[in-house]
Amino acid sequence: MRTQPPSAGRAITDYFNSPAWHAPKEAELLAAVMTELMQTGQPTTTHSLIASVLRKLELEMNEGMLQGYRRLLAQLMEEKEQ
């Protein structure tokens, strides 16, 4: 009986679920969000950053990334209160 080699999709899933992969830090996520906003011509105000992070939270499926976006959102909210 022949066995099928693992698919590329499965290999990618295994990689992101492995301990070797670490979710980006909040600074990296913030840089990515700001870059996206600037590329689309939107302002990089605290309000627009928070709105963008909320959209990311609605769409993200990876638990590690979700945690990163949650921490980033908490930092942005903290900054807004000050």
PDB file of N, CA and C in Angstrom:
ATOM      1  N   MET A   1       0.841  -1.180   0.000  1.00  0.00           N
ATOM      2  CA  MET A   1       0.000   0.000   0.000  1.00  0.00           C
ATOM      3  C   MET A   1       0.888   1.245   0.000  1.00  0.00           C
ATOM      4  N   ARG A   2       0.574   2.177  -0.873  1.00  0.00           N
ATOM      5  CA  ARG A   2       1.334   3.425  -0.964  1.00  0.00           C
ATOM      6  C   ARG A   2       0.774   4.464  -0.011  1.00  0.00           C
ATOM      7  N   THR A   3       1.674   5.201   0.603  1.00  0.00           N
ATOM      8  CA  THR A   3       1.219   6.297   1.460  1.00  0.00           C
ATOM      9  C   THR A   3       1.427   7.607   0.728  1.00  0.00           C
ATOM     10  N   GLN A   4       0.521   8.499   0.919  1.00  0.00           N
ATOM     11  CA  GLN A   4       0.597   9.816   0.291  1.00  0.00           C
ATOM     12  C   GLN A   4       1.499  10.723   1.126  1.00  0.00           C
ATOM     13  N   PRO A   5       2.368  11.497   0.483  1.00  0.00           N
ATOM     14  CA  PRO A   5       3.154  12.468   1.244  1.00  0.00           C
ATOM     15  C   PRO A   5       2.224  13.550   1.787  1.00  0.00           C
ATOM     16  N   PRO A   6       2.606  14.163   2.903  1.00  0.00           N
ATOM     17  CA  PRO A   6       1.738  15.205   3.461  1.00  0.00           C
ATOM     18  C   PRO A   6       1.574  16.359   2.472  1.00  0.00           C
ATOM     19  N   SER A   7       0.399  16.910   2.449  1.00  0.00           N
ATOM     20  CA  SER A   7       0.127  18.018   1.534  1.00  0.00           C
ATOM     21  C   SER A   7       0.812  19.287   2.031  1.00  0.00           C
ATOM     22  N   ALA A   8       0.952  20.247   1.137  1.00  0.00           N
ATOM     23  CA  ALA A   8       1.568  21.520   1.507  1.00  0.00           C
ATOM     24  C   ALA A   8       0.731  22.222   2.572  1.00  0.00           C
ATOM     25  N   GLY A   9      -0.592  22.146   2.435  1.00  0.00           N
ATOM     26  CA  GLY A   9      -1.467  22.772   3.422  1.00  0.00           C
ATOM     27  C   GLY A   9      -1.270  22.193   4.805  1.00  0.00           C
ATOM     28  N   ARG A  10      -1.136  20.887   4.858  1.00  0.00           N
ATOM     29  CA  ARG A  10      -0.927  20.231   6.152  1.00  0.00           C
ATOM     30  C   ARG A  10       0.429  20.616   6.732  1.00  0.00           C
ATOM     31  N   ALA A  11       1.446  20.699   5.887  1.00  0.00           N
ATOM     32  CA  ALA A  11       2.781  21.083   6.346  1.00  0.00           C
ATOM     33  C   ALA A  11       2.774  22.500   6.918  1.00  0.00           C
ATOM     34  N   ILE A  12       2.047  23.394   6.263  1.00  0.00           N
ATOM     35  CA  ILE A  12       1.952  24.769   6.747  1.00  0.00           C
ATOM     36  C   ILE A  12       1.219  24.811   8.079  1.00  0.00           C
ATOM     37  N   THR A  13       0.122  24.079   8.177  1.00  0.00           N
ATOM     38  CA  THR A  13      -0.629  24.018   9.435  1.00  0.00           C
ATOM     39  C   THR A  13       0.231  23.473  10.559  1.00  0.00           C
ATOM     40  N   ASP A  14       0.957  22.401  10.284  1.00  0.00           N
ATOM     41  CA  ASP A  14       1.838  21.813  11.300  1.00  0.00           C
ATOM     42  C   ASP A  14       2.901  22.804  11.752  1.00  0.00           C
ATOM     43  N   TYR A  15       3.454  23.559  10.806  1.00  0.00           N
ATOM     44  CA  TYR A  15       4.484  24.539  11.156  1.00  0.00           C
ATOM     45  C   TYR A  15       3.926  25.596  12.099  1.00  0.00           C
ATOM     46  N   PHE A  16       2.766  26.165  11.760  1.00  0.00           N
ATOM     47  CA  PHE A  16       2.215  27.226  12.585  1.00  0.00           C
ATOM     48  C   PHE A  16       1.709  26.715  13.930  1.00  0.00           C
ATOM     49  N   ASN A  17       1.422  25.447  14.032  1.00  0.00           N
ATOM     50  CA  ASN A  17       0.991  24.875  15.302  1.00  0.00           C
ATOM     51  C   ASN A  17       2.152  24.340  16.124  1.00  0.00           C
ATOM     52  N   SER A  18       3.349  24.359  15.570  1.00  0.00           N
ATOM     53  CA  SER A  18       4.513  23.817  16.273  1.00  0.00           C
ATOM     54  C   SER A  18       5.085  24.854  17.236  1.00  0.00           C
ATOM     55  N   PRO A  19       5.839  24.380  18.238  1.00  0.00           N
ATOM     56  CA  PRO A  19       6.471  25.316  19.173  1.00  0.00           C
ATOM     57  C   PRO A  19       7.539  26.186  18.507  1.00  0.00           C
ATOM     58  N   ALA A  20       8.014  25.804  17.326  1.00  0.00           N
ATOM     59  CA  ALA A  20       9.051  26.571  16.639  1.00  0.00           C
ATOM     60  C   ALA A  20       8.528  27.910  16.134  1.00  0.00           C
ATOM     61  N   TRP A  21       7.213  28.012  15.922  1.00  0.00           N
ATOM     62  CA  TRP A  21       6.654  29.251  15.401  1.00  0.00           C
ATOM     63  C   TRP A  21       6.182  30.120  16.547  1.00  0.00           C
ATOM     64  N   HIS A  22       6.596  31.365  16.524  1.00  0.00           N
ATOM     65  CA  HIS A  22       6.170  32.321  17.546  1.00  0.00           C
ATOM     66  C   HIS A  22       5.396  33.437  16.868  1.00  0.00           C
ATOM     67  N   ALA A  23       4.282  33.784  17.445  1.00  0.00           N
ATOM     68  CA  ALA A  23       3.485  34.887  16.900  1.00  0.00           C
ATOM     69  C   ALA A  23       4.282  36.180  16.999  1.00  0.00           C
ATOM     70  N   PRO A  24       4.075  37.088  16.071  1.00  0.00           N
ATOM     71  CA  PRO A  24       4.798  38.364  16.113  1.00  0.00           C
ATOM     72  C   PRO A  24       4.480  39.147  17.382  1.00  0.00           C
ATOM     73  N   LYS A  25       5.442  39.908  17.825  1.00  0.00           N
ATOM     74  CA  LYS A  25       5.250  40.772  18.988  1.00  0.00           C
ATOM     75  C   LYS A  25       4.324  41.923  18.609  1.00  0.00           C
ATOM     76  N   GLU A  26       3.822  42.609  19.629  1.00  0.00           N
ATOM     77  CA  GLU A  26       2.873  43.692  19.394  1.00  0.00           C
ATOM     78  C   GLU A  26       3.468  44.789  18.512  1.00  0.00           C
ATOM     79  N   ALA A  27       4.762  45.076  18.687  1.00  0.00           N
ATOM     80  CA  ALA A  27       5.391  46.124  17.876  1.00  0.00           C
ATOM     81  C   ALA A  27       5.369  45.753  16.395  1.00  0.00           C
ATOM     82  N   GLU A  28       5.594  44.475  16.097  1.00  0.00           N
ATOM     83  CA  GLU A  28       5.550  44.027  14.705  1.00  0.00           C
ATOM     84  C   GLU A  28       4.129  44.108  14.150  1.00  0.00           C
ATOM     85  N   LEU A  29       3.156  43.741  14.981  1.00  0.00           N
ATOM     86  CA  LEU A  29       1.755  43.829  14.549  1.00  0.00           C
ATOM     87  C   LEU A  29       1.353  45.280  14.320  1.00  0.00           C
ATOM     88  N   LEU A  30       1.781  46.159  15.224  1.00  0.00           N
ATOM     89  CA  LEU A  30       1.472  47.578  15.078  1.00  0.00           C
ATOM     90  C   LEU A  30       2.092  48.127  13.794  1.00  0.00           C
ATOM     91  N   ALA A  31       3.330  47.748  13.525  1.00  0.00           N
ATOM     92  CA  ALA A  31       3.992  48.204  12.296  1.00  0.00           C
ATOM     93  C   ALA A  31       3.232  47.722  11.058  1.00  0.00           C
ATOM     94  N   ALA A  32       2.770  46.483  11.082  1.00  0.00           N
ATOM     95  CA  ALA A  32       2.024  45.940   9.939  1.00  0.00           C
ATOM     96  C   ALA A  32       0.697  46.668   9.757  1.00  0.00           C
ATOM     97  N   VAL A  33       0.004  46.932  10.856  1.00  0.00           N
ATOM     98  CA  VAL A  33      -1.284  47.635  10.784  1.00  0.00           C
ATOM     99  C   VAL A  33      -1.074  49.060  10.269  1.00  0.00           C
ATOM    100  N   MET A  34      -0.046  49.743  10.784  1.00  0.00           N
ATOM    101  CA  MET A  34       0.226  51.110  10.338  1.00  0.00           C
ATOM    102  C   MET A  34       0.599  51.144   8.858  1.00  0.00           C
ATOM    103  N   THR A  35       1.379  50.169   8.421  1.00  0.00           N
ATOM    104  CA  THR A  35       1.759  50.092   7.012  1.00  0.00           C
ATOM    105  C   THR A  35       0.530  49.920   6.133  1.00  0.00           C
ATOM    106  N   GLU A  36      -0.376  49.028   6.547  1.00  0.00           N
ATOM    107  CA  GLU A  36      -1.613  48.821   5.784  1.00  0.00           C
ATOM    108  C   GLU A  36      -2.432  50.107   5.699  1.00  0.00           C
ATOM    109  N   LEU A  37      -2.532  50.812   6.819  1.00  0.00           N
ATOM    110  CA  LEU A  37      -3.300  52.059   6.827  1.00  0.00           C
ATOM    111  C   LEU A  37      -2.670  53.096   5.895  1.00  0.00           C
ATOM    112  N   MET A  38      -1.350  53.240   5.972  1.00  0.00           N
ATOM    113  CA  MET A  38      -0.669  54.228   5.129  1.00  0.00           C
ATOM    114  C   MET A  38      -0.769  53.872   3.651  1.00  0.00           C
ATOM    115  N   GLN A  39      -0.689  52.582   3.332  1.00  0.00           N
ATOM    116  CA  GLN A  39      -0.776  52.163   1.935  1.00  0.00           C
ATOM    117  C   GLN A  39      -2.149  52.438   1.336  1.00  0.00           C
ATOM    118  N   THR A  40      -3.167  52.429   2.182  1.00  0.00           N
ATOM    119  CA  THR A  40      -4.520  52.709   1.692  1.00  0.00           C
ATOM    120  C   THR A  40      -4.900  54.181   1.851  1.00  0.00           C
ATOM    121  N   GLY A  41      -3.954  55.000   2.317  1.00  0.00           N
ATOM    122  CA  GLY A  41      -4.192  56.429   2.442  1.00  0.00           C
ATOM    123  C   GLY A  41      -5.021  56.828   3.645  1.00  0.00           C
ATOM    124  N   GLN A  42      -5.176  55.931   4.600  1.00  0.00           N
ATOM    125  CA  GLN A  42      -5.952  56.233   5.799  1.00  0.00           C
ATOM    126  C   GLN A  42      -5.040  56.859   6.851  1.00  0.00           C
ATOM    127  N   PRO A  43      -5.605  57.654   7.756  1.00  0.00           N
ATOM    128  CA  PRO A  43      -4.783  58.250   8.812  1.00  0.00           C
ATOM    129  C   PRO A  43      -4.340  57.178   9.810  1.00  0.00           C
ATOM    130  N   THR A  44      -3.230  57.443  10.474  1.00  0.00           N
ATOM    131  CA  THR A  44      -2.736  56.487  11.476  1.00  0.00           C
ATOM    132  C   THR A  44      -3.004  57.027  12.880  1.00  0.00           C
ATOM    133  N   THR A  45      -4.218  57.483  13.088  1.00  0.00           N
ATOM    134  CA  THR A  45      -4.617  57.963  14.406  1.00  0.00           C
ATOM    135  C   THR A  45      -4.903  56.770  15.311  1.00  0.00           C
ATOM    136  N   THR A  46      -4.955  57.026  16.599  1.00  0.00           N
ATOM    137  CA  THR A  46      -5.266  55.958  17.544  1.00  0.00           C
ATOM    138  C   THR A  46      -6.615  55.333  17.212  1.00  0.00           C
ATOM    139  N   HIS A  47      -7.574  56.169  16.862  1.00  0.00           N
ATOM    140  CA  HIS A  47      -8.918  55.673  16.524  1.00  0.00           C
ATOM    141  C   HIS A  47      -8.869  54.714  15.337  1.00  0.00           C
ATOM    142  N   SER A  48      -8.159  55.091  14.279  1.00  0.00           N
ATOM    143  CA  SER A  48      -8.098  54.222  13.098  1.00  0.00           C
ATOM    144  C   SER A  48      -7.283  52.961  13.374  1.00  0.00           C
ATOM    145  N   LEU A  49      -6.261  53.069  14.227  1.00  0.00           N
ATOM    146  CA  LEU A  49      -5.488  51.883  14.604  1.00  0.00           C
ATOM    147  C   LEU A  49      -6.363  50.893  15.368  1.00  0.00           C
ATOM    148  N   ILE A  50      -7.143  51.401  16.311  1.00  0.00           N
ATOM    149  CA  ILE A  50      -8.030  50.537  17.095  1.00  0.00           C
ATOM    150  C   ILE A  50      -9.057  49.875  16.181  1.00  0.00           C
ATOM    151  N   ALA A  51      -9.641  50.640  15.268  1.00  0.00           N
ATOM    152  CA  ALA A  51     -10.630  50.082  14.340  1.00  0.00           C
ATOM    153  C   ALA A  51     -10.010  48.991  13.475  1.00  0.00           C
ATOM    154  N   SER A  52      -8.794  49.214  13.026  1.00  0.00           N
ATOM    155  CA  SER A  52      -8.114  48.225  12.189  1.00  0.00           C
ATOM    156  C   SER A  52      -7.805  46.952  12.972  1.00  0.00           C
ATOM    157  N   VAL A  53      -7.348  47.106  14.213  1.00  0.00           N
ATOM    158  CA  VAL A  53      -7.056  45.933  15.042  1.00  0.00           C
ATOM    159  C   VAL A  53      -8.341  45.158  15.330  1.00  0.00           C
ATOM    160  N   LEU A  54      -9.440  45.853  15.556  1.00  0.00           N
ATOM    161  CA  LEU A  54     -10.720  45.166  15.776  1.00  0.00           C
ATOM    162  C   LEU A  54     -11.121  44.350  14.546  1.00  0.00           C
ATOM    163  N   ARG A  55     -10.902  44.902  13.349  1.00  0.00           N
ATOM    164  CA  ARG A  55     -11.190  44.144  12.125  1.00  0.00           C
ATOM    165  C   ARG A  55     -10.305  42.903  12.041  1.00  0.00           C
ATOM    166  N   LYS A  56      -9.041  43.052  12.423  1.00  0.00           N
ATOM    167  CA  LYS A  56      -8.120  41.909  12.399  1.00  0.00           C
ATOM    168  C   LYS A  56      -8.604  40.826  13.362  1.00  0.00           C
ATOM    169  N   LEU A  57      -9.075  41.236  14.533  1.00  0.00           N
ATOM    170  CA  LEU A  57      -9.566  40.272  15.520  1.00  0.00           C
ATOM    171  C   LEU A  57     -10.767  39.495  14.991  1.00  0.00           C
ATOM    172  N   GLU A  58     -11.600  40.147  14.210  1.00  0.00           N
ATOM    173  CA  GLU A  58     -12.782  39.479  13.661  1.00  0.00           C
ATOM    174  C   GLU A  58     -12.420  38.427  12.619  1.00  0.00           C
ATOM    175  N   LEU A  59     -11.298  38.619  11.931  1.00  0.00           N
ATOM    176  CA  LEU A  59     -10.938  37.739  10.823  1.00  0.00           C
ATOM    177  C   LEU A  59      -9.885  36.690  11.168  1.00  0.00           C
ATOM    178  N   GLU A  60      -9.069  36.946  12.179  1.00  0.00           N
ATOM    179  CA  GLU A  60      -7.938  36.061  12.488  1.00  0.00           C
ATOM    180  C   GLU A  60      -8.412  34.738  13.074  1.00  0.00           C
ATOM    181  N   MET A  61      -7.784  33.654  12.626  1.00  0.00           N
ATOM    182  CA  MET A  61      -8.143  32.321  13.106  1.00  0.00           C
ATOM    183  C   MET A  61      -7.063  31.730  14.014  1.00  0.00           C
ATOM    184  N   ASN A  62      -5.828  32.187  13.861  1.00  0.00           N
ATOM    185  CA  ASN A  62      -4.713  31.630  14.616  1.00  0.00           C
ATOM    186  C   ASN A  62      -4.722  32.166  16.041  1.00  0.00           C
ATOM    187  N   GLU A  63      -4.694  31.267  17.012  1.00  0.00           N
ATOM    188  CA  GLU A  63      -4.782  31.663  18.418  1.00  0.00           C
ATOM    189  C   GLU A  63      -3.606  32.542  18.847  1.00  0.00           C
ATOM    190  N   GLY A  64      -2.411  32.234  18.364  1.00  0.00           N
ATOM    191  CA  GLY A  64      -1.245  33.047  18.708  1.00  0.00           C
ATOM    192  C   GLY A  64      -1.378  34.474  18.201  1.00  0.00           C
ATOM    193  N   MET A  65      -1.852  34.606  16.973  1.00  0.00           N
ATOM    194  CA  MET A  65      -2.054  35.937  16.402  1.00  0.00           C
ATOM    195  C   MET A  65      -3.178  36.673  17.126  1.00  0.00           C
ATOM    196  N   LEU A  66      -4.226  35.942  17.484  1.00  0.00           N
ATOM    197  CA  LEU A  66      -5.328  36.561  18.229  1.00  0.00           C
ATOM    198  C   LEU A  66      -4.822  37.155  19.536  1.00  0.00           C
ATOM    199  N   GLN A  67      -3.990  36.409  20.237  1.00  0.00           N
ATOM    200  CA  GLN A  67      -3.436  36.904  21.503  1.00  0.00           C
ATOM    201  C   GLN A  67      -2.605  38.162  21.270  1.00  0.00           C
ATOM    202  N   GLY A  68      -1.814  38.161  20.205  1.00  0.00           N
ATOM    203  CA  GLY A  68      -1.010  39.340  19.884  1.00  0.00           C
ATOM    204  C   GLY A  68      -1.877  40.552  19.595  1.00  0.00           C
ATOM    205  N   TYR A  69      -2.922  40.363  18.808  1.00  0.00           N
ATOM    206  CA  TYR A  69      -3.834  41.476  18.506  1.00  0.00           C
ATOM    207  C   TYR A  69      -4.571  41.938  19.762  1.00  0.00           C
ATOM    208  N   ARG A  70      -4.915  41.016  20.642  1.00  0.00           N
ATOM    209  CA  ARG A  70      -5.582  41.408  21.900  1.00  0.00           C
ATOM    210  C   ARG A  70      -4.655  42.260  22.761  1.00  0.00           C
ATOM    211  N   ARG A  71      -3.382  41.847  22.855  1.00  0.00           N
ATOM    212  CA  ARG A  71      -2.417  42.628  23.641  1.00  0.00           C
ATOM    213  C   ARG A  71      -2.198  44.001  23.007  1.00  0.00           C
ATOM    214  N   LEU A  72      -2.112  44.043  21.680  1.00  0.00           N
ATOM    215  CA  LEU A  72      -1.943  45.319  20.986  1.00  0.00           C
ATOM    216  C   LEU A  72      -3.150  46.216  21.224  1.00  0.00           C
ATOM    217  N   LEU A  73      -4.343  45.662  21.137  1.00  0.00           N
ATOM    218  CA  LEU A  73      -5.555  46.444  21.380  1.00  0.00           C
ATOM    219  C   LEU A  73      -5.560  46.995  22.806  1.00  0.00           C
ATOM    220  N   ALA A  74      -5.166  46.176  23.768  1.00  0.00           N
ATOM    221  CA  ALA A  74      -5.111  46.632  25.161  1.00  0.00           C
ATOM    222  C   ALA A  74      -4.133  47.798  25.304  1.00  0.00           C
ATOM    223  N   GLN A  75      -2.992  47.713  24.648  1.00  0.00           N
ATOM    224  CA  GLN A  75      -2.014  48.799  24.718  1.00  0.00           C
ATOM    225  C   GLN A  75      -2.546  50.070  24.064  1.00  0.00           C
ATOM    226  N   LEU A  76      -3.213  49.925  22.938  1.00  0.00           N
ATOM    227  CA  LEU A  76      -3.779  51.094  22.267  1.00  0.00           C
ATOM    228  C   LEU A  76      -4.870  51.742  23.116  1.00  0.00           C
ATOM    229  N   MET A  77      -5.695  50.931  23.746  1.00  0.00           N
ATOM    230  CA  MET A  77      -6.766  51.458  24.597  1.00  0.00           C
ATOM    231  C   MET A  77      -6.169  52.161  25.817  1.00  0.00           C
ATOM    232  N   GLU A  78      -5.115  51.586  26.371  1.00  0.00           N
ATOM    233  CA  GLU A  78      -4.432  52.180  27.515  1.00  0.00           C
ATOM    234  C   GLU A  78      -3.870  53.549  27.133  1.00  0.00           C
ATOM    235  N   GLU A  79      -3.242  53.609  25.962  1.00  0.00           N
ATOM    236  CA  GLU A  79      -2.663  54.863  25.475  1.00  0.00           C
ATOM    237  C   GLU A  79      -3.743  55.912  25.263  1.00  0.00           C
ATOM    238  N   LYS A  80      -4.882  55.483  24.749  1.00  0.00           N
ATOM    239  CA  LYS A  80      -5.976  56.420  24.471  1.00  0.00           C
ATOM    240  C   LYS A  80      -6.516  57.018  25.771  1.00  0.00           C
ATOM    241  N   GLU A  81      -6.519  56.243  26.851  1.00  0.00           N
ATOM    242  CA  GLU A  81      -7.037  56.723  28.132  1.00  0.00           C
ATOM    243  C   GLU A  81      -6.118  57.762  28.761  1.00  0.00           C
ATOM    244  N   GLN A  82      -4.842  57.699  28.442  1.00  0.00           N
ATOM    245  CA  GLN A  82      -3.873  58.614  29.077  1.00  0.00           C
ATOM    246  C   GLN A  82      -3.882  59.971  28.488  1.00  0.00           C
TER     247      GLN A  82
END
